[in-house]
PDB file of N, CA and C in Angstrom:
ATOM      1  N   UNK A   1      41.885 -66.804 -37.952  1.00  0.00           N
ATOM      2  CA  UNK A   1      41.768 -65.588 -38.912  1.00  0.00           C
ATOM      3  C   UNK A   1      43.168 -65.548 -39.538  1.00  0.00           C
ATOM      4  N   UNK A   2      42.445 -65.409 -41.026  1.00  0.00           N
ATOM      5  CA  UNK A   2      43.809 -65.520 -42.169  1.00  0.00           C
ATOM      6  C   UNK A   2      44.470 -64.121 -41.970  1.00  0.00           C
ATOM      7  N   UNK A   3      45.766 -64.355 -41.773  1.00  0.00           N
ATOM      8  CA  UNK A   3      46.755 -62.857 -41.850  1.00  0.00           C
ATOM      9  C   UNK A   3      47.144 -62.524 -40.497  1.00  0.00           C
ATOM     10  N   UNK A   4      46.941 -63.021 -39.585  1.00  0.00           N
ATOM     11  CA  UNK A   4      46.789 -62.812 -38.262  1.00  0.00           C
ATOM     12  C   UNK A   4      47.537 -64.159 -37.366  1.00  0.00           C
ATOM     13  N   UNK A   5      48.445 -64.081 -36.660  1.00  0.00           N
ATOM     14  CA  UNK A   5      48.689 -64.945 -35.615  1.00  0.00           C
ATOM     15  C   UNK A   5      49.071 -64.553 -34.367  1.00  0.00           C
ATOM     16  N   UNK A   6      48.528 -65.447 -33.480  1.00  0.00           N
ATOM     17  CA  UNK A   6      48.631 -65.009 -32.109  1.00  0.00           C
ATOM     18  C   UNK A   6      49.709 -64.292 -31.483  1.00  0.00           C
ATOM     19  N   UNK A   7      49.755 -63.406 -30.801  1.00  0.00           N
ATOM     20  CA  UNK A   7      50.809 -62.664 -30.357  1.00  0.00           C
ATOM     21  C   UNK A   7      51.534 -61.672 -31.183  1.00  0.00           C
ATOM     22  N   UNK A   8      51.256 -61.913 -32.151  1.00  0.00           N
ATOM     23  CA  UNK A   8      51.945 -61.011 -33.322  1.00  0.00           C
ATOM     24  C   UNK A   8      51.140 -60.641 -34.363  1.00  0.00           C
ATOM     25  N   UNK A   9      51.428 -59.538 -34.986  1.00  0.00           N
ATOM     26  CA  UNK A   9      50.454 -59.079 -36.395  1.00  0.00           C
ATOM     27  C   UNK A   9      51.170 -59.410 -37.613  1.00  0.00           C
ATOM     28  N   UNK A  10      50.604 -59.866 -38.501  1.00  0.00           N
ATOM     29  CA  UNK A  10      51.159 -60.162 -39.804  1.00  0.00           C
ATOM     30  C   UNK A  10      50.624 -59.066 -40.519  1.00  0.00           C
ATOM     31  N   UNK A  11      51.347 -58.642 -41.880  1.00  0.00           N
ATOM     32  CA  UNK A  11      50.955 -57.673 -42.778  1.00  0.00           C
ATOM     33  C   UNK A  11      50.120 -58.330 -43.566  1.00  0.00           C
ATOM     34  N   UNK A  12      48.520 -57.831 -43.850  1.00  0.00           N
ATOM     35  CA  UNK A  12      47.684 -58.363 -44.945  1.00  0.00           C
ATOM     36  C   UNK A  12      48.015 -57.463 -46.148  1.00  0.00           C
ATOM     37  N   UNK A  13      48.379 -58.061 -47.460  1.00  0.00           N
ATOM     38  CA  UNK A  13      48.619 -57.569 -48.719  1.00  0.00           C
ATOM     39  C   UNK A  13      47.295 -57.148 -49.068  1.00  0.00           C
ATOM     40  N   UNK A  14      47.358 -55.746 -49.938  1.00  0.00           N
ATOM     41  CA  UNK A  14      46.212 -55.568 -50.808  1.00  0.00           C
ATOM     42  C   UNK A  14      45.194 -54.853 -49.762  1.00  0.00           C
ATOM     43  N   UNK A  15      45.487 -54.817 -48.534  1.00  0.00           N
ATOM     44  CA  UNK A  15      44.246 -54.121 -47.700  1.00  0.00           C
ATOM     45  C   UNK A  15      44.565 -52.439 -47.394  1.00  0.00           C
ATOM     46  N   UNK A  16      43.320 -52.156 -48.038  1.00  0.00           N
ATOM     47  CA  UNK A  16      43.713 -50.573 -47.776  1.00  0.00           C
ATOM     48  C   UNK A  16      43.066 -49.938 -46.473  1.00  0.00           C
ATOM     49  N   UNK A  17      43.475 -49.415 -45.711  1.00  0.00           N
ATOM     50  CA  UNK A  17      42.871 -48.721 -44.503  1.00  0.00           C
ATOM     51  C   UNK A  17      43.049 -47.157 -44.296  1.00  0.00           C
ATOM     52  N   UNK A  18      42.021 -46.442 -44.291  1.00  0.00           N
ATOM     53  CA  UNK A  18      42.408 -44.805 -44.492  1.00  0.00           C
ATOM     54  C   UNK A  18      41.602 -44.377 -43.070  1.00  0.00           C
ATOM     55  N   UNK A  19      42.428 -43.437 -42.829  1.00  0.00           N
ATOM     56  CA  UNK A  19      41.323 -42.702 -41.420  1.00  0.00           C
ATOM     57  C   UNK A  19      41.818 -41.126 -41.719  1.00  0.00           C
ATOM     58  N   UNK A  20      40.625 -40.644 -41.377  1.00  0.00           N
ATOM     59  CA  UNK A  20      40.370 -39.573 -41.536  1.00  0.00           C
ATOM     60  C   UNK A  20      40.013 -38.614 -40.121  1.00  0.00           C
ATOM     61  N   UNK A  21      40.300 -37.392 -40.096  1.00  0.00           N
ATOM     62  CA  UNK A  21      39.808 -36.789 -38.592  1.00  0.00           C
ATOM     63  C   UNK A  21      39.196 -35.325 -38.568  1.00  0.00           C
ATOM     64  N   UNK A  22      38.504 -35.035 -38.236  1.00  0.00           N
ATOM     65  CA  UNK A  22      37.755 -33.739 -38.136  1.00  0.00           C
ATOM     66  C   UNK A  22      37.642 -33.161 -36.928  1.00  0.00           C
ATOM     67  N   UNK A  23      38.642 -32.224 -36.416  1.00  0.00           N
ATOM     68  CA  UNK A  23      38.949 -31.441 -35.271  1.00  0.00           C
ATOM     69  C   UNK A  23      37.895 -31.018 -34.883  1.00  0.00           C
ATOM     70  N   UNK A  24      36.837 -30.251 -35.621  1.00  0.00           N
ATOM     71  CA  UNK A  24      35.547 -29.496 -34.978  1.00  0.00           C
ATOM     72  C   UNK A  24      34.855 -30.644 -34.526  1.00  0.00           C
ATOM     73  N   UNK A  25      34.454 -31.387 -35.002  1.00  0.00           N
ATOM     74  CA  UNK A  25      33.656 -32.636 -34.539  1.00  0.00           C
ATOM     75  C   UNK A  25      34.478 -33.765 -33.453  1.00  0.00           C
ATOM     76  N   UNK A  26      35.774 -33.531 -33.579  1.00  0.00           N
ATOM     77  CA  UNK A  26      36.826 -34.473 -32.793  1.00  0.00           C
ATOM     78  C   UNK A  26      36.031 -35.853 -33.435  1.00  0.00           C
ATOM     79  N   UNK A  27      36.070 -36.114 -34.699  1.00  0.00           N
ATOM     80  CA  UNK A  27      35.454 -37.383 -35.041  1.00  0.00           C
ATOM     81  C   UNK A  27      36.655 -37.736 -36.077  1.00  0.00           C
ATOM     82  N   UNK A  28      36.950 -39.101 -35.973  1.00  0.00           N
ATOM     83  CA  UNK A  28      37.770 -39.888 -36.862  1.00  0.00           C
ATOM     84  C   UNK A  28      37.153 -40.992 -37.775  1.00  0.00           C
ATOM     85  N   UNK A  29      37.154 -41.420 -38.870  1.00  0.00           N
ATOM     86  CA  UNK A  29      36.280 -42.444 -39.456  1.00  0.00           C
ATOM     87  C   UNK A  29      37.728 -43.339 -40.072  1.00  0.00           C
ATOM     88  N   UNK A  30      37.684 -44.652 -39.906  1.00  0.00           N
ATOM     89  CA  UNK A  30      38.554 -45.563 -40.195  1.00  0.00           C
ATOM     90  C   UNK A  30      37.729 -46.213 -41.297  1.00  0.00           C
ATOM     91  N   UNK A  31      38.282 -45.964 -42.638  1.00  0.00           N
ATOM     92  CA  UNK A  31      37.586 -46.776 -43.869  1.00  0.00           C
ATOM     93  C   UNK A  31      38.289 -47.913 -43.812  1.00  0.00           C
ATOM     94  N   UNK A  32      37.387 -48.944 -44.025  1.00  0.00           N
ATOM     95  CA  UNK A  32      37.953 -50.318 -44.300  1.00  0.00           C
ATOM     96  C   UNK A  32      37.872 -51.014 -45.439  1.00  0.00           C
ATOM     97  N   UNK A  33      37.410 -50.046 -46.524  1.00  0.00           N
ATOM     98  CA  UNK A  33      37.185 -50.152 -48.006  1.00  0.00           C
ATOM     99  C   UNK A  33      37.858 -49.077 -48.494  1.00  0.00           C
ATOM    100  N   UNK A  34      38.152 -49.059 -50.133  1.00  0.00           N
ATOM    101  CA  UNK A  34      38.910 -47.913 -50.474  1.00  0.00           C
ATOM    102  C   UNK A  34      38.129 -46.806 -50.193  1.00  0.00           C
ATOM    103  N   UNK A  35      36.603 -46.942 -51.127  1.00  0.00           N
ATOM    104  CA  UNK A  35      35.579 -45.817 -50.684  1.00  0.00           C
ATOM    105  C   UNK A  35      34.532 -46.054 -50.271  1.00  0.00           C
ATOM    106  N   UNK A  36      33.757 -45.387 -50.141  1.00  0.00           N
ATOM    107  CA  UNK A  36      32.175 -45.603 -49.446  1.00  0.00           C
ATOM    108  C   UNK A  36      31.393 -44.669 -50.314  1.00  0.00           C
ATOM    109  N   UNK A  37      30.491 -45.305 -51.220  1.00  0.00           N
ATOM    110  CA  UNK A  37      29.860 -44.408 -52.309  1.00  0.00           C
ATOM    111  C   UNK A  37      28.418 -43.752 -51.370  1.00  0.00           C
ATOM    112  N   UNK A  38      27.921 -42.852 -51.849  1.00  0.00           N
ATOM    113  CA  UNK A  38      26.624 -42.246 -51.364  1.00  0.00           C
ATOM    114  C   UNK A  38      25.498 -43.404 -51.440  1.00  0.00           C
ATOM    115  N   UNK A  39      24.873 -43.814 -50.091  1.00  0.00           N
ATOM    116  CA  UNK A  39      24.057 -44.807 -50.072  1.00  0.00           C
ATOM    117  C   UNK A  39      24.555 -46.353 -49.792  1.00  0.00           C
ATOM    118  N   UNK A  40      25.764 -46.263 -49.887  1.00  0.00           N
ATOM    119  CA  UNK A  40      26.434 -47.627 -49.873  1.00  0.00           C
ATOM    120  C   UNK A  40      25.998 -48.133 -48.482  1.00  0.00           C
ATOM    121  N   UNK A  41      26.588 -47.265 -47.424  1.00  0.00           N
ATOM    122  CA  UNK A  41      26.070 -47.688 -45.698  1.00  0.00           C
ATOM    123  C   UNK A  41      24.505 -47.889 -45.816  1.00  0.00           C
ATOM    124  N   UNK A  42      24.159 -49.148 -45.292  1.00  0.00           N
ATOM    125  CA  UNK A  42      22.749 -49.795 -45.357  1.00  0.00           C
ATOM    126  C   UNK A  42      22.438 -49.400 -43.897  1.00  0.00           C
ATOM    127  N   UNK A  43      23.170 -49.543 -42.788  1.00  0.00           N
ATOM    128  CA  UNK A  43      23.151 -49.381 -41.609  1.00  0.00           C
ATOM    129  C   UNK A  43      24.187 -49.035 -40.646  1.00  0.00           C
ATOM    130  N   UNK A  44      23.830 -48.379 -39.560  1.00  0.00           N
ATOM    131  CA  UNK A  44      25.204 -47.834 -38.810  1.00  0.00           C
ATOM    132  C   UNK A  44      24.559 -48.419 -37.193  1.00  0.00           C
ATOM    133  N   UNK A  45      25.493 -49.082 -36.600  1.00  0.00           N
ATOM    134  CA  UNK A  45      25.454 -49.637 -35.213  1.00  0.00           C
ATOM    135  C   UNK A  45      26.538 -49.069 -34.303  1.00  0.00           C
ATOM    136  N   UNK A  46      25.571 -48.897 -33.220  1.00  0.00           N
ATOM    137  CA  UNK A  46      26.405 -48.294 -31.809  1.00  0.00           C
ATOM    138  C   UNK A  46      26.990 -49.500 -31.595  1.00  0.00           C
ATOM    139  N   UNK A  47      28.469 -49.413 -31.185  1.00  0.00           N
ATOM    140  CA  UNK A  47      29.509 -50.537 -30.708  1.00  0.00           C
ATOM    141  C   UNK A  47      29.192 -50.755 -29.257  1.00  0.00           C
ATOM    142  N   UNK A  48      28.730 -51.745 -28.635  1.00  0.00           N
ATOM    143  CA  UNK A  48      28.528 -51.806 -27.293  1.00  0.00           C
ATOM    144  C   UNK A  48      29.639 -51.895 -26.401  1.00  0.00           C
ATOM    145  N   UNK A  49      30.295 -50.641 -26.382  1.00  0.00           N
ATOM    146  CA  UNK A  49      31.592 -50.563 -25.736  1.00  0.00           C
ATOM    147  C   UNK A  49      31.345 -49.510 -24.723  1.00  0.00           C
ATOM    148  N   UNK A  50      31.407 -49.310 -23.503  1.00  0.00           N
ATOM    149  CA  UNK A  50      31.650 -48.813 -22.490  1.00  0.00           C
ATOM    150  C   UNK A  50      32.741 -47.310 -22.418  1.00  0.00           C
ATOM    151  N   UNK A  51      32.642 -46.225 -22.772  1.00  0.00           N
ATOM    152  CA  UNK A  51      33.590 -45.481 -23.004  1.00  0.00           C
ATOM    153  C   UNK A  51      33.247 -44.097 -22.382  1.00  0.00           C
ATOM    154  N   UNK A  52      34.285 -43.617 -21.565  1.00  0.00           N
ATOM    155  CA  UNK A  52      33.829 -42.000 -21.365  1.00  0.00           C
ATOM    156  C   UNK A  52      33.974 -41.075 -22.082  1.00  0.00           C
ATOM    157  N   UNK A  53      32.909 -40.143 -22.422  1.00  0.00           N
ATOM    158  CA  UNK A  53      33.204 -39.386 -23.343  1.00  0.00           C
ATOM    159  C   UNK A  53      33.539 -39.419 -24.754  1.00  0.00           C
ATOM    160  N   UNK A  54      32.992 -40.627 -25.134  1.00  0.00           N
ATOM    161  CA  UNK A  54      33.530 -41.255 -26.508  1.00  0.00           C
ATOM    162  C   UNK A  54      32.675 -42.378 -26.767  1.00  0.00           C
ATOM    163  N   UNK A  55      32.343 -42.596 -28.223  1.00  0.00           N
ATOM    164  CA  UNK A  55      31.476 -43.489 -28.737  1.00  0.00           C
ATOM    165  C   UNK A  55      32.165 -44.167 -30.101  1.00  0.00           C
ATOM    166  N   UNK A  56      32.015 -45.167 -30.358  1.00  0.00           N
ATOM    167  CA  UNK A  56      32.130 -45.986 -31.640  1.00  0.00           C
ATOM    168  C   UNK A  56      31.079 -46.374 -32.500  1.00  0.00           C
ATOM    169  N   UNK A  57      31.008 -45.898 -33.641  1.00  0.00           N
ATOM    170  CA  UNK A  57      29.672 -46.683 -34.462  1.00  0.00           C
ATOM    171  C   UNK A  57      30.340 -47.481 -35.670  1.00  0.00           C
ATOM    172  N   UNK A  58      29.711 -48.606 -36.180  1.00  0.00           N
ATOM    173  CA  UNK A  58      30.180 -49.404 -37.314  1.00  0.00           C
ATOM    174  C   UNK A  58      29.202 -49.587 -38.399  1.00  0.00           C
ATOM    175  N   UNK A  59      29.817 -48.815 -39.429  1.00  0.00           N
ATOM    176  CA  UNK A  59      28.882 -48.749 -40.748  1.00  0.00           C
ATOM    177  C   UNK A  59      28.747 -50.015 -41.158  1.00  0.00           C
ATOM    178  N   UNK A  60      27.729 -50.740 -41.904  1.00  0.00           N
ATOM    179  CA  UNK A  60      27.555 -51.919 -42.688  1.00  0.00           C
ATOM    180  C   UNK A  60      27.025 -51.486 -43.941  1.00  0.00           C
ATOM    181  N   UNK A  61      27.479 -52.431 -44.977  1.00  0.00           N
ATOM    182  CA  UNK A  61      26.856 -52.602 -46.445  1.00  0.00           C
ATOM    183  C   UNK A  61      25.624 -53.768 -46.206  1.00  0.00           C
ATOM    184  N   UNK A  62      24.800 -53.679 -47.284  1.00  0.00           N
ATOM    185  CA  UNK A  62      23.721 -54.265 -47.410  1.00  0.00           C
ATOM    186  C   UNK A  62      23.538 -55.804 -47.289  1.00  0.00           C
ATOM    187  N   UNK A  63      24.984 -56.118 -47.273  1.00  0.00           N
ATOM    188  CA  UNK A  63      25.064 -57.674 -47.008  1.00  0.00           C
ATOM    189  C   UNK A  63      25.838 -58.007 -45.820  1.00  0.00           C
ATOM    190  N   UNK A  64      25.727 -57.056 -44.868  1.00  0.00           N
ATOM    191  CA  UNK A  64      26.045 -56.857 -43.523  1.00  0.00           C
ATOM    192  C   UNK A  64      27.764 -57.056 -43.220  1.00  0.00           C
ATOM    193  N   UNK A  65      28.427 -56.450 -44.316  1.00  0.00           N
ATOM    194  CA  UNK A  65      29.998 -56.291 -44.296  1.00  0.00           C
ATOM    195  C   UNK A  65      30.239 -54.925 -43.793  1.00  0.00           C
ATOM    196  N   UNK A  66      31.185 -54.963 -42.869  1.00  0.00           N
ATOM    197  CA  UNK A  66      31.823 -53.613 -42.063  1.00  0.00           C
ATOM    198  C   UNK A  66      32.312 -52.955 -43.281  1.00  0.00           C
ATOM    199  N   UNK A  67      32.052 -51.694 -43.473  1.00  0.00           N
ATOM    200  CA  UNK A  67      32.748 -50.811 -44.377  1.00  0.00           C
ATOM    201  C   UNK A  67      33.565 -49.701 -43.865  1.00  0.00           C
ATOM    202  N   UNK A  68      32.926 -49.319 -42.442  1.00  0.00           N
ATOM    203  CA  UNK A  68      34.072 -48.412 -41.637  1.00  0.00           C
ATOM    204  C   UNK A  68      33.629 -48.248 -40.348  1.00  0.00           C
ATOM    205  N   UNK A  69      34.415 -47.528 -39.467  1.00  0.00           N
ATOM    206  CA  UNK A  69      34.068 -47.320 -38.231  1.00  0.00           C
ATOM    207  C   UNK A  69      34.424 -45.806 -37.784  1.00  0.00           C
ATOM    208  N   UNK A  70      33.157 -45.203 -37.376  1.00  0.00           N
ATOM    209  CA  UNK A  70      33.577 -43.900 -36.664  1.00  0.00           C
ATOM    210  C   UNK A  70      33.554 -43.873 -35.246  1.00  0.00           C
ATOM    211  N   UNK A  71      34.560 -42.905 -34.983  1.00  0.00           N
ATOM    212  CA  UNK A  71      35.090 -42.460 -33.412  1.00  0.00           C
ATOM    213  C   UNK A  71      34.781 -41.166 -33.342  1.00  0.00           C
ATOM    214  N   UNK A  72      33.419 -41.154 -32.315  1.00  0.00           N
ATOM    215  CA  UNK A  72      33.470 -39.849 -31.680  1.00  0.00           C
ATOM    216  C   UNK A  72      34.198 -39.480 -30.364  1.00  0.00           C
ATOM    217  N   UNK A  73      34.575 -38.436 -30.293  1.00  0.00           N
ATOM    218  CA  UNK A  73      35.864 -38.161 -29.044  1.00  0.00           C
ATOM    219  C   UNK A  73      37.050 -38.748 -29.310  1.00  0.00           C
ATOM    220  N   UNK A  74      37.300 -38.680 -30.902  1.00  0.00           N
ATOM    221  CA  UNK A  74      38.543 -39.671 -31.115  1.00  0.00           C
ATOM    222  C   UNK A  74      39.699 -39.059 -30.260  1.00  0.00           C
ATOM    223  N   UNK A  75      39.844 -37.871 -29.776  1.00  0.00           N
ATOM    224  CA  UNK A  75      41.463 -37.554 -29.522  1.00  0.00           C
ATOM    225  C   UNK A  75      41.454 -38.214 -27.953  1.00  0.00           C
ATOM    226  N   UNK A  76      40.038 -38.466 -27.533  1.00  0.00           N
ATOM    227  CA  UNK A  76      40.100 -39.373 -26.156  1.00  0.00           C
ATOM    228  C   UNK A  76      40.628 -40.794 -26.058  1.00  0.00           C
ATOM    229  N   UNK A  77      40.188 -41.415 -27.202  1.00  0.00           N
ATOM    230  CA  UNK A  77      40.668 -42.637 -27.025  1.00  0.00           C
ATOM    231  C   UNK A  77      41.647 -43.301 -28.398  1.00  0.00           C
ATOM    232  N   UNK A  78      41.948 -42.259 -29.251  1.00  0.00           N
ATOM    233  CA  UNK A  78      42.932 -42.859 -30.157  1.00  0.00           C
ATOM    234  C   UNK A  78      44.138 -42.186 -29.854  1.00  0.00           C
ATOM    235  N   UNK A  79      45.377 -42.966 -30.032  1.00  0.00           N
ATOM    236  CA  UNK A  79      46.724 -42.641 -29.802  1.00  0.00           C
ATOM    237  C   UNK A  79      46.846 -41.116 -30.662  1.00  0.00           C
ATOM    238  N   UNK A  80      47.791 -40.435 -29.891  1.00  0.00           N
ATOM    239  CA  UNK A  80      47.873 -38.774 -30.492  1.00  0.00           C
ATOM    240  C   UNK A  80      48.564 -39.278 -31.870  1.00  0.00           C
ATOM    241  N   UNK A  81      49.184 -40.016 -32.158  1.00  0.00           N
ATOM    242  CA  UNK A  81      50.008 -40.084 -33.163  1.00  0.00           C
ATOM    243  C   UNK A  81      48.983 -40.720 -34.647  1.00  0.00           C
ATOM    244  N   UNK A  82      47.877 -41.492 -33.859  1.00  0.00           N
ATOM    245  CA  UNK A  82      46.930 -41.673 -34.992  1.00  0.00           C
ATOM    246  C   UNK A  82      46.400 -40.696 -35.661  1.00  0.00           C
ATOM    247  N   UNK A  83      46.083 -39.487 -34.465  1.00  0.00           N
ATOM    248  CA  UNK A  83      44.929 -38.746 -34.611  1.00  0.00           C
ATOM    249  C   UNK A  83      45.833 -37.897 -36.013  1.00  0.00           C
ATOM    250  N   UNK A  84      47.493 -37.577 -35.494  1.00  0.00           N
ATOM    251  CA  UNK A  84      48.123 -36.554 -35.894  1.00  0.00           C
ATOM    252  C   UNK A  84      48.296 -37.411 -37.625  1.00  0.00           C
ATOM    253  N   UNK A  85      48.354 -38.509 -37.559  1.00  0.00           N
ATOM    254  CA  UNK A  85      48.619 -38.984 -39.005  1.00  0.00           C
ATOM    255  C   UNK A  85      47.578 -39.317 -39.735  1.00  0.00           C
ATOM    256  N   UNK A  86      46.167 -39.089 -39.118  1.00  0.00           N
ATOM    257  CA  UNK A  86      45.072 -39.187 -40.037  1.00  0.00           C
ATOM    258  C   UNK A  86      44.783 -38.030 -41.028  1.00  0.00           C
ATOM    259  N   UNK A  87      44.133 -38.245 -42.131  1.00  0.00           N
ATOM    260  CA  UNK A  87      43.722 -37.244 -43.300  1.00  0.00           C
ATOM    261  C   UNK A  87      43.094 -36.124 -42.582  1.00  0.00           C
ATOM    262  N   UNK A  88      43.223 -34.979 -42.554  1.00  0.00           N
ATOM    263  CA  UNK A  88      42.332 -33.996 -41.821  1.00  0.00           C
ATOM    264  C   UNK A  88      41.451 -33.629 -42.850  1.00  0.00           C
ATOM    265  N   UNK A  89      40.142 -33.541 -42.366  1.00  0.00           N
ATOM    266  CA  UNK A  89      39.106 -33.061 -43.185  1.00  0.00           C
ATOM    267  C   UNK A  89      38.530 -32.202 -42.420  1.00  0.00           C
ATOM    268  N   UNK A  90      38.962 -31.263 -41.585  1.00  0.00           N
ATOM    269  CA  UNK A  90      38.215 -30.494 -40.811  1.00  0.00           C
ATOM    270  C   UNK A  90      37.704 -29.213 -41.935  1.00  0.00           C
ATOM    271  N   UNK A  91      36.686 -28.704 -41.767  1.00  0.00           N
ATOM    272  CA  UNK A  91      36.287 -27.723 -42.561  1.00  0.00           C
ATOM    273  C   UNK A  91      35.282 -28.407 -43.766  1.00  0.00           C
ATOM    274  N   UNK A  92      35.290 -29.618 -43.878  1.00  0.00           N
ATOM    275  CA  UNK A  92      34.231 -30.375 -44.941  1.00  0.00           C
ATOM    276  C   UNK A  92      35.519 -30.739 -46.021  1.00  0.00           C
ATOM    277  N   UNK A  93      35.571 -32.168 -45.994  1.00  0.00           N
ATOM    278  CA  UNK A  93      36.150 -33.113 -46.492  1.00  0.00           C
ATOM    279  C   UNK A  93      35.798 -34.207 -47.554  1.00  0.00           C
TER     280      UNK A  93
END
């Protein structure tokens, strides 16, 4: 995989990752693209991962490329510093 070496992470230039968090919904969203336009998500799939009181959904574009990852029950499975550093969209954002 380009940009990653076994046992250590390597920075990948020109990659934007944005994380938002809604504390009312306890949901985080990890954007793997600069933005997602209305209607750009063609399909959403549940990640087949067993989690207690949390779930992960993956959004794909029409070409089958991952746009973003939704984490429900975010404060249960994300590191506290990740939730704290996320852009707060509580109340509609």
